[in-house]
C-alpha atoms as a PDB file:
ATOM      1  CA  MET A   1     -35.966 -57.852 -18.412  1.00  0.00           C
ATOM      2  CA  SER A   2     -38.190 -55.966 -20.861  1.00  0.00           C
ATOM      3  CA  ARG A   3     -36.637 -54.177 -23.782  1.00  0.00           C
ATOM      4  CA  PRO A   4     -37.871 -51.550 -26.191  1.00  0.00           C
ATOM      5  CA  TRP A   5     -39.265 -52.423 -29.599  1.00  0.00           C
ATOM      6  CA  ARG A   6     -37.112 -50.835 -32.251  1.00  0.00           C
ATOM      7  CA  ILE A   7     -38.782 -50.526 -35.645  1.00  0.00           C
ATOM      8  CA  GLU A   8     -36.196 -49.656 -38.227  1.00  0.00           C
ATOM      9  CA  TYR A   9     -36.379 -49.082 -41.921  1.00  0.00           C
ATOM     10  CA  GLU A  10     -34.802 -46.845 -44.512  1.00  0.00           C
ATOM     11  CA  GLY A  11     -36.128 -43.283 -44.495  1.00  0.00           C
ATOM     12  CA  ALA A  12     -37.730 -43.583 -41.075  1.00  0.00           C
ATOM     13  CA  PHE A  13     -38.339 -40.417 -39.029  1.00  0.00           C
ATOM     14  CA  TYR A  14     -37.748 -40.434 -35.210  1.00  0.00           C
ATOM     15  CA  HIS A  15     -37.862 -38.293 -32.163  1.00  0.00           C
ATOM     16  CA  VAL A  16     -35.095 -39.594 -29.876  1.00  0.00           C
ATOM     17  CA  LEU A  17     -34.651 -38.777 -26.216  1.00  0.00           C
ATOM     18  CA  SER A  18     -31.691 -39.671 -23.952  1.00  0.00           C
ATOM     19  CA  ARG A  19     -31.564 -38.780 -20.226  1.00  0.00           C
ATOM     20  CA  GLY A  20     -28.699 -38.683 -17.784  1.00  0.00           C
ATOM     21  CA  ASN A  21     -28.104 -41.581 -15.402  1.00  0.00           C
ATOM     22  CA  GLU A  22     -29.991 -41.042 -12.116  1.00  0.00           C
ATOM     23  CA  GLN A  23     -31.391 -37.810 -13.686  1.00  0.00           C
ATOM     24  CA  ARG A  24     -27.897 -36.209 -13.600  1.00  0.00           C
ATOM     25  CA  ASP A  25     -26.666 -33.685 -16.114  1.00  0.00           C
ATOM     26  CA  ILE A  26     -24.890 -35.063 -19.213  1.00  0.00           C
ATOM     27  CA  PHE A  27     -23.130 -31.747 -19.750  1.00  0.00           C
ATOM     28  CA  TYR A  28     -20.864 -30.149 -17.202  1.00  0.00           C
ATOM     29  CA  ASP A  29     -20.216 -26.952 -19.209  1.00  0.00           C
ATOM     30  CA  ASP A  30     -20.501 -25.432 -22.627  1.00  0.00           C
ATOM     31  CA  ASN A  31     -17.370 -27.224 -23.855  1.00  0.00           C
ATOM     32  CA  ASP A  32     -19.237 -30.544 -23.232  1.00  0.00           C
ATOM     33  CA  ARG A  33     -22.194 -29.262 -25.247  1.00  0.00           C
ATOM     34  CA  GLY A  34     -19.885 -28.361 -28.110  1.00  0.00           C
ATOM     35  CA  LEU A  35     -18.266 -31.793 -27.766  1.00  0.00           C
ATOM     36  CA  PHE A  36     -21.647 -33.485 -28.046  1.00  0.00           C
ATOM     37  CA  LEU A  37     -22.560 -31.487 -31.197  1.00  0.00           C
ATOM     38  CA  ASP A  38     -19.238 -32.444 -32.716  1.00  0.00           C
ATOM     39  CA  THR A  39     -19.937 -36.101 -31.952  1.00  0.00           C
ATOM     40  CA  VAL A  40     -23.420 -35.794 -33.530  1.00  0.00           C
ATOM     41  CA  GLY A  41     -21.712 -34.422 -36.610  1.00  0.00           C
ATOM     42  CA  GLU A  42     -19.493 -37.435 -36.819  1.00  0.00           C
ATOM     43  CA  THR A  43     -22.531 -39.688 -36.258  1.00  0.00           C
ATOM     44  CA  VAL A  44     -24.300 -38.036 -39.185  1.00  0.00           C
ATOM     45  CA  GLU A  45     -21.429 -38.921 -41.546  1.00  0.00           C
ATOM     46  CA  ARG A  46     -20.689 -42.383 -40.144  1.00  0.00           C
ATOM     47  CA  PHE A  47     -24.301 -43.582 -40.143  1.00  0.00           C
ATOM     48  CA  GLU A  48     -25.864 -41.510 -42.940  1.00  0.00           C
ATOM     49  CA  ILE A  49     -28.541 -39.897 -40.835  1.00  0.00           C
ATOM     50  CA  ASP A  50     -30.255 -36.484 -41.261  1.00  0.00           C
ATOM     51  CA  VAL A  51     -30.803 -34.374 -38.124  1.00  0.00           C
ATOM     52  CA  PHE A  52     -33.589 -31.784 -38.397  1.00  0.00           C
ATOM     53  CA  ALA A  53     -33.730 -30.332 -34.847  1.00  0.00           C
ATOM     54  CA  PHE A  54     -32.115 -30.703 -31.439  1.00  0.00           C
ATOM     55  CA  VAL A  55     -32.254 -29.384 -27.881  1.00  0.00           C
ATOM     56  CA  LEU A  56     -29.448 -30.042 -25.426  1.00  0.00           C
ATOM     57  CA  MET A  57     -30.927 -30.574 -21.962  1.00  0.00           C
ATOM     58  CA  SER A  58     -31.793 -34.139 -21.704  1.00  0.00           C
ATOM     59  CA  ASN A  59     -30.964 -34.825 -25.357  1.00  0.00           C
ATOM     60  CA  HIS A  60     -33.752 -34.394 -27.908  1.00  0.00           C
ATOM     61  CA  LEU A  61     -33.029 -35.189 -31.548  1.00  0.00           C
ATOM     62  CA  LEU A  62     -35.324 -35.180 -34.573  1.00  0.00           C
ATOM     63  CA  LEU A  63     -33.718 -37.346 -37.234  1.00  0.00           C
ATOM     64  CA  ARG A  64     -34.166 -39.567 -40.254  1.00  0.00           C
ATOM     65  CA  THR A  65     -32.261 -42.805 -40.823  1.00  0.00           C
ATOM     66  CA  ASN A  66     -31.383 -43.306 -44.465  1.00  0.00           C
ATOM     67  CA  ARG A  67     -30.413 -46.834 -43.565  1.00  0.00           C
ATOM     68  CA  ALA A  68     -32.294 -49.078 -41.145  1.00  0.00           C
ATOM     69  CA  ASN A  69     -29.829 -48.405 -38.346  1.00  0.00           C
ATOM     70  CA  LEU A  70     -31.281 -46.381 -35.487  1.00  0.00           C
ATOM     71  CA  SER A  71     -30.049 -48.684 -32.711  1.00  0.00           C
ATOM     72  CA  LYS A  72     -26.480 -48.824 -34.055  1.00  0.00           C
ATOM     73  CA  THR A  73     -26.486 -45.069 -34.574  1.00  0.00           C
ATOM     74  CA  MET A  74     -27.633 -44.171 -31.037  1.00  0.00           C
ATOM     75  CA  GLN A  75     -25.381 -46.780 -29.473  1.00  0.00           C
ATOM     76  CA  TRP A  76     -22.326 -45.348 -31.177  1.00  0.00           C
ATOM     77  CA  LEU A  77     -23.338 -41.776 -30.293  1.00  0.00           C
ATOM     78  CA  GLY A  78     -23.937 -42.575 -26.669  1.00  0.00           C
ATOM     79  CA  VAL A  79     -20.780 -44.681 -26.146  1.00  0.00           C
ATOM     80  CA  THR A  80     -18.529 -42.269 -28.042  1.00  0.00           C
ATOM     81  CA  TYR A  81     -19.757 -39.179 -26.235  1.00  0.00           C
ATOM     82  CA  THR A  82     -19.551 -40.878 -22.835  1.00  0.00           C
ATOM     83  CA  ARG A  83     -15.981 -42.058 -23.448  1.00  0.00           C
ATOM     84  CA  ARG A  84     -14.989 -38.553 -24.569  1.00  0.00           C
ATOM     85  CA  LEU A  85     -16.669 -36.754 -21.674  1.00  0.00           C
ATOM     86  CA  ASN A  86     -15.192 -39.242 -19.183  1.00  0.00           C
ATOM     87  CA  ASN A  87     -11.710 -38.655 -20.581  1.00  0.00           C
ATOM     88  CA  ARG A  88     -12.189 -34.873 -20.476  1.00  0.00           C
ATOM     89  CA  HIS A  89     -13.335 -34.819 -16.814  1.00  0.00           C
ATOM     90  CA  GLY A  90     -11.371 -37.808 -15.401  1.00  0.00           C
ATOM     91  CA  ARG A  91     -14.517 -39.710 -14.594  1.00  0.00           C
ATOM     92  CA  SER A  92     -15.672 -43.252 -15.282  1.00  0.00           C
ATOM     93  CA  GLY A  93     -18.928 -45.156 -15.513  1.00  0.00           C
ATOM     94  CA  HIS A  94     -22.234 -44.757 -17.291  1.00  0.00           C
ATOM     95  CA  LEU A  95     -23.529 -41.386 -18.334  1.00  0.00           C
ATOM     96  CA  PHE A  96     -26.935 -42.134 -19.801  1.00  0.00           C
ATOM     97  CA  GLN A  97     -29.919 -43.652 -18.142  1.00  0.00           C
ATOM     98  CA  GLY A  98     -30.428 -47.097 -19.702  1.00  0.00           C
ATOM     99  CA  ARG A  99     -31.720 -47.300 -23.249  1.00  0.00           C
ATOM    100  CA  PHE A 100     -32.709 -44.295 -25.324  1.00  0.00           C
ATOM    101  CA  LYS A 101     -36.386 -43.629 -25.943  1.00  0.00           C
ATOM    102  CA  SER A 102     -37.728 -43.153 -29.415  1.00  0.00           C
ATOM    103  CA  ILE A 103     -40.957 -42.294 -31.211  1.00  0.00           C
ATOM    104  CA  LEU A 104     -41.401 -43.450 -34.780  1.00  0.00           C
ATOM    105  CA  VAL A 105     -42.889 -40.490 -36.729  1.00  0.00           C
ATOM    106  CA  GLU A 106     -45.218 -40.928 -39.651  1.00  0.00           C
ATOM    107  CA  ASN A 107     -44.103 -38.108 -41.921  1.00  0.00           C
ATOM    108  CA  ASP A 108     -42.586 -34.605 -42.175  1.00  0.00           C
ATOM    109  CA  ALA A 109     -45.772 -32.820 -41.172  1.00  0.00           C
ATOM    110  CA  TYR A 110     -45.509 -34.434 -37.673  1.00  0.00           C
ATOM    111  CA  MET A 111     -41.815 -33.469 -37.638  1.00  0.00           C
ATOM    112  CA  LEU A 112     -42.841 -29.833 -37.773  1.00  0.00           C
ATOM    113  CA  GLU A 113     -45.127 -30.335 -34.771  1.00  0.00           C
ATOM    114  CA  LEU A 114     -42.413 -32.123 -32.830  1.00  0.00           C
ATOM    115  CA  SER A 115     -39.797 -29.463 -33.621  1.00  0.00           C
ATOM    116  CA  CYS A 116     -42.085 -26.837 -32.071  1.00  0.00           C
ATOM    117  CA  TYR A 117     -42.629 -29.012 -29.023  1.00  0.00           C
ATOM    118  CA  ILE A 118     -38.960 -29.790 -28.347  1.00  0.00           C
ATOM    119  CA  HIS A 119     -37.777 -26.251 -29.055  1.00  0.00           C
ATOM    120  CA  ARG A 120     -40.014 -25.057 -26.264  1.00  0.00           C
ATOM    121  CA  ASN A 121     -38.389 -27.330 -23.645  1.00  0.00           C
ATOM    122  CA  PRO A 122     -35.954 -24.784 -22.197  1.00  0.00           C
ATOM    123  CA  LEU A 123     -38.807 -22.409 -21.527  1.00  0.00           C
ATOM    124  CA  ARG A 124     -41.092 -24.993 -20.028  1.00  0.00           C
ATOM    125  CA  ALA A 125     -38.184 -26.070 -17.742  1.00  0.00           C
ATOM    126  CA  GLY A 126     -37.752 -22.478 -16.530  1.00  0.00           C
ATOM    127  CA  MET A 127     -34.207 -22.196 -17.891  1.00  0.00           C
ATOM    128  CA  VAL A 128     -34.908 -19.024 -19.854  1.00  0.00           C
ATOM    129  CA  LYS A 129     -37.731 -16.443 -20.138  1.00  0.00           C
ATOM    130  CA  ARG A 130     -37.480 -16.297 -23.930  1.00  0.00           C
ATOM    131  CA  LEU A 131     -36.594 -19.143 -26.280  1.00  0.00           C
ATOM    132  CA  GLY A 132     -34.304 -16.814 -28.155  1.00  0.00           C
ATOM    133  CA  ASN A 133     -32.084 -16.662 -25.104  1.00  0.00           C
ATOM    134  CA  TYR A 134     -31.205 -20.382 -25.186  1.00  0.00           C
ATOM    135  CA  ARG A 135     -28.121 -21.071 -27.291  1.00  0.00           C
ATOM    136  CA  TRP A 136     -28.030 -24.824 -27.202  1.00  0.00           C
ATOM    137  CA  SER A 137     -30.841 -25.756 -29.582  1.00  0.00           C
ATOM    138  CA  SER A 138     -31.662 -25.402 -33.253  1.00  0.00           C
ATOM    139  CA  TYR A 139     -34.401 -22.841 -32.450  1.00  0.00           C
ATOM    140  CA  LEU A 140     -32.350 -19.795 -33.380  1.00  0.00           C
ATOM    141  CA  VAL A 141     -31.613 -21.258 -36.840  1.00  0.00           C
ATOM    142  CA  TYR A 142     -35.314 -21.899 -37.486  1.00  0.00           C
ATOM    143  CA  ALA A 143     -36.773 -18.762 -35.926  1.00  0.00           C
ATOM    144  CA  TYR A 144     -34.231 -16.156 -36.832  1.00  0.00           C
ATOM    145  CA  GLY A 145     -32.160 -17.715 -39.648  1.00  0.00           C
ATOM    146  CA  ARG A 146     -28.984 -17.801 -37.545  1.00  0.00           C
ATOM    147  CA  LYS A 147     -26.022 -19.799 -38.706  1.00  0.00           C
ATOM    148  CA  GLY A 148     -26.020 -23.314 -37.188  1.00  0.00           C
ATOM    149  CA  VAL A 149     -24.033 -26.425 -37.244  1.00  0.00           C
ATOM    150  CA  GLU A 150     -23.269 -27.558 -40.778  1.00  0.00           C
ATOM    151  CA  TRP A 151     -25.031 -30.903 -40.449  1.00  0.00           C
ATOM    152  CA  LEU A 152     -28.406 -29.507 -39.404  1.00  0.00           C
ATOM    153  CA  LYS A 153     -31.038 -29.784 -42.145  1.00  0.00           C
ATOM    154  CA  THR A 154     -33.863 -27.203 -41.906  1.00  0.00           C
ATOM    155  CA  ASP A 155     -35.435 -27.374 -45.408  1.00  0.00           C
ATOM    156  CA  LEU A 156     -37.722 -30.268 -44.650  1.00  0.00           C
ATOM    157  CA  ILE A 157     -39.529 -28.342 -41.895  1.00  0.00           C
ATOM    158  CA  LEU A 158     -39.267 -24.765 -43.133  1.00  0.00           C
ATOM    159  CA  SER A 159     -40.489 -25.758 -46.607  1.00  0.00           C
ATOM    160  CA  GLN A 160     -43.927 -26.331 -44.975  1.00  0.00           C
ATOM    161  CA  PHE A 161     -44.310 -22.603 -44.741  1.00  0.00           C
ATOM    162  CA  SER A 162     -45.242 -20.601 -47.804  1.00  0.00           C
ATOM    163  CA  GLY A 163     -43.863 -17.155 -48.599  1.00  0.00           C
ATOM    164  CA  ARG A 164     -40.442 -15.640 -48.147  1.00  0.00           C
ATOM    165  CA  GLU A 165     -40.368 -15.029 -44.404  1.00  0.00           C
ATOM    166  CA  ARG A 166     -40.317 -18.680 -43.330  1.00  0.00           C
ATOM    167  CA  ASN A 167     -38.216 -18.037 -40.272  1.00  0.00           C
ATOM    168  CA  ARG A 168     -40.768 -15.524 -39.020  1.00  0.00           C
ATOM    169  CA  ALA A 169     -43.608 -17.909 -39.778  1.00  0.00           C
ATOM    170  CA  TYR A 170     -41.868 -20.650 -37.774  1.00  0.00           C
ATOM    171  CA  ARG A 171     -41.254 -18.289 -34.862  1.00  0.00           C
ATOM    172  CA  GLU A 172     -44.915 -17.297 -34.801  1.00  0.00           C
ATOM    173  CA  LYS A 173     -46.034 -20.941 -34.886  1.00  0.00           C
ATOM    174  CA  VAL A 174     -43.875 -21.761 -31.884  1.00  0.00           C
ATOM    175  CA  GLN A 175     -45.204 -18.730 -30.029  1.00  0.00           C
ATOM    176  CA  VAL A 176     -48.774 -19.972 -30.169  1.00  0.00           C
ATOM    177  CA  TYR A 177     -48.014 -23.680 -30.068  1.00  0.00           C
ATOM    178  CA  SER A 178     -49.163 -24.312 -26.506  1.00  0.00           C
ATOM    179  CA  GLY A 179     -52.731 -24.832 -27.687  1.00  0.00           C
ATOM    180  CA  GLU A 180     -51.612 -27.720 -29.940  1.00  0.00           C
ATOM    181  CA  GLU A 181     -49.451 -29.635 -27.418  1.00  0.00           C
ATOM    182  CA  ARG A 182     -52.293 -31.797 -26.207  1.00  0.00           C
ATOM    183  CA  ARG A 183     -53.208 -32.827 -29.740  1.00  0.00           C
ATOM    184  CA  LEU A 184     -49.581 -33.838 -30.340  1.00  0.00           C
ATOM    185  CA  ARG A 185     -49.544 -36.087 -27.276  1.00  0.00           C
ATOM    186  CA  GLU A 186     -52.926 -37.583 -28.199  1.00  0.00           C
ATOM    187  CA  ASN A 187     -51.484 -38.586 -31.588  1.00  0.00           C
ATOM    188  CA  ILE A 188     -48.741 -40.685 -29.953  1.00  0.00           C
ATOM    189  CA  ARG A 189     -50.030 -44.252 -30.233  1.00  0.00           C
ATOM    190  CA  HIS A 190     -49.037 -47.060 -27.865  1.00  0.00           C
ATOM    191  CA  GLY A 191     -45.941 -45.160 -26.739  1.00  0.00           C
ATOM    192  CA  LEU A 192     -44.334 -45.941 -30.002  1.00  0.00           C
ATOM    193  CA  TYR A 193     -45.665 -43.940 -32.963  1.00  0.00           C
ATOM    194  CA  LEU A 194     -46.696 -40.426 -33.785  1.00  0.00           C
ATOM    195  CA  GLY A 195     -49.218 -40.488 -36.592  1.00  0.00           C
ATOM    196  CA  ALA A 196     -52.680 -41.520 -37.695  1.00  0.00           C
ATOM    197  CA  GLU A 197     -54.304 -44.856 -36.875  1.00  0.00           C
ATOM    198  CA  GLN A 198     -53.727 -45.967 -40.510  1.00  0.00           C
ATOM    199  CA  PHE A 199     -49.961 -45.572 -39.880  1.00  0.00           C
ATOM    200  CA  VAL A 200     -50.189 -47.783 -36.800  1.00  0.00           C
ATOM    201  CA  ASP A 201     -52.121 -50.358 -38.849  1.00  0.00           C
ATOM    202  CA  ARG A 202     -49.359 -50.450 -41.478  1.00  0.00           C
ATOM    203  CA  ILE A 203     -46.701 -50.923 -38.847  1.00  0.00           C
ATOM    204  CA  ARG A 204     -48.683 -53.608 -37.082  1.00  0.00           C
ATOM    205  CA  SER A 205     -49.180 -55.405 -40.455  1.00  0.00           C
ATOM    206  CA  ASN A 206     -45.533 -55.143 -41.489  1.00  0.00           C
ATOM    207  CA  TYR A 207     -43.719 -55.744 -38.158  1.00  0.00           C
ATOM    208  CA  LEU A 208     -46.107 -57.697 -35.920  1.00  0.00           C
ATOM    209  CA  SER A 209     -47.338 -60.606 -38.012  1.00  0.00           C
ATOM    210  CA  GLY A 210     -46.921 -63.199 -35.303  1.00  0.00           C
ATOM    211  CA  GLU A 211     -47.319 -63.302 -31.558  1.00  0.00           C
ATOM    212  CA  ALA A 212     -46.109 -60.442 -29.410  1.00  0.00           C
ATOM    213  CA  HIS A 213     -42.689 -61.107 -27.789  1.00  0.00           C
ATOM    214  CA  LYS A 214     -43.005 -61.712 -24.084  1.00  0.00           C
ATOM    215  CA  GLU A 215     -40.030 -59.476 -23.318  1.00  0.00           C
ATOM    216  CA  ILE A 216     -41.285 -56.589 -25.392  1.00  0.00           C
ATOM    217  CA  PRO A 217     -44.391 -55.076 -23.702  1.00  0.00           C
ATOM    218  CA  GLN A 218     -44.897 -52.574 -26.494  1.00  0.00           C
ATOM    219  CA  GLN A 219     -45.705 -55.362 -28.909  1.00  0.00           C
ATOM    220  CA  ARG A 220     -48.489 -56.514 -26.595  1.00  0.00           C
ATOM    221  CA  LYS A 221     -49.857 -53.030 -26.423  1.00  0.00           C
ATOM    222  CA  VAL A 222     -49.925 -52.734 -30.234  1.00  0.00           C
ATOM    223  CA  ALA A 223     -51.542 -56.166 -30.541  1.00  0.00           C
ATOM    224  CA  LYS A 224     -54.533 -54.957 -28.493  1.00  0.00           C
ATOM    225  CA  ARG A 225     -55.940 -51.450 -28.127  1.00  0.00           C
ATOM    226  CA  SER A 226     -54.846 -49.474 -25.023  1.00  0.00           C
ATOM    227  CA  ASN A 227     -57.182 -47.188 -23.152  1.00  0.00           C
ATOM    228  CA  PRO A 228     -56.811 -43.446 -23.958  1.00  0.00           C
ATOM    229  CA  GLY A 229     -55.632 -42.518 -20.513  1.00  0.00           C
ATOM    230  CA  GLU A 230     -52.758 -44.982 -20.669  1.00  0.00           C
ATOM    231  CA  ILE A 231     -51.785 -43.819 -24.155  1.00  0.00           C
ATOM    232  CA  PHE A 232     -51.762 -40.169 -22.989  1.00  0.00           C
ATOM    233  CA  LYS A 233     -49.598 -41.104 -19.991  1.00  0.00           C
ATOM    234  CA  GLN A 234     -47.059 -42.973 -22.138  1.00  0.00           C
ATOM    235  CA  ALA A 235     -46.938 -39.983 -24.482  1.00  0.00           C
ATOM    236  CA  CYS A 236     -45.983 -37.650 -21.652  1.00  0.00           C
ATOM    237  CA  ILE A 237     -43.194 -40.042 -20.606  1.00  0.00           C
ATOM    238  CA  LEU A 238     -41.770 -40.217 -24.129  1.00  0.00           C
ATOM    239  CA  LEU A 239     -41.991 -36.439 -24.600  1.00  0.00           C
ATOM    240  CA  ASP A 240     -40.314 -35.856 -21.243  1.00  0.00           C
ATOM    241  CA  CYS A 241     -43.148 -33.765 -19.872  1.00  0.00           C
ATOM    242  CA  ASP A 242     -45.087 -33.528 -16.577  1.00  0.00           C
ATOM    243  CA  LEU A 243     -48.654 -34.748 -17.100  1.00  0.00           C
ATOM    244  CA  GLN A 244     -50.125 -32.570 -14.316  1.00  0.00           C
ATOM    245  CA  LYS A 245     -48.119 -29.492 -15.251  1.00  0.00           C
ATOM    246  CA  TYR A 246     -49.373 -29.409 -18.841  1.00  0.00           C
ATOM    247  CA  ARG A 247     -53.088 -29.639 -18.027  1.00  0.00           C
ATOM    248  CA  THR A 248     -53.002 -25.812 -18.248  1.00  0.00           C
ATOM    249  CA  SER A 249     -50.703 -24.474 -20.968  1.00  0.00           C
ATOM    250  CA  GLN A 250     -49.952 -20.826 -21.472  1.00  0.00           C
ATOM    251  CA  ARG A 251     -48.839 -18.794 -24.431  1.00  0.00           C
ATOM    252  CA  ILE A 252     -45.059 -18.823 -24.767  1.00  0.00           C
ATOM    253  CA  TYR A 253     -43.059 -16.145 -26.540  1.00  0.00           C
ATOM    254  CA  GLY A 254     -39.895 -16.728 -28.550  1.00  0.00           C
END
């Protein structure tokens, strides 16, 4: 059975996505959403991670590992939340669909782009008509300066805007971001990285010095160049988006 290639190091940035088993909801009500955020807060302390943005639908998290421990972090979060939700609702069995998906992100500039992308998810999914109407994401903290969960770190992303009205600048960027989504997907390399080709070269040099592992298809893709169409397709899978749907994007208002 194939398995994902987890590249872990201190200070690494990631976009992490977890879906419900058989495409089912992983939240039954708002109390479950609160329970998940509480569990993320415990994860932050236990594994020394920084969380910069989140959207609770299928789970999207933007985070940094201050230790080389992404797999252990996500395993603990998934198992702990599943156990607590099962106890709360008297259910049993798996909650999440297999292994989590992750994109290794080159630097904080790409984290800004990803935050805009994932914050727009509730609107793209037709859950709300305005992003400001969706409670269960970090968008309101970024766009309007609302109080959020204590463990959310916003300075890394908001510091990329000059001037005093950074929340307004962030909101305006999200409003016009549809024109930049294709560029974001095109910068996802081999279904693994978000960054420039030089970043991919460094990862290849540091983490793929020998032969590609036969059970890790992503290593084989990195070892040889993939065609652009396949790379774009893999990016859409990782970002949880519909390839056909996003051929024509429209302006979205927050």
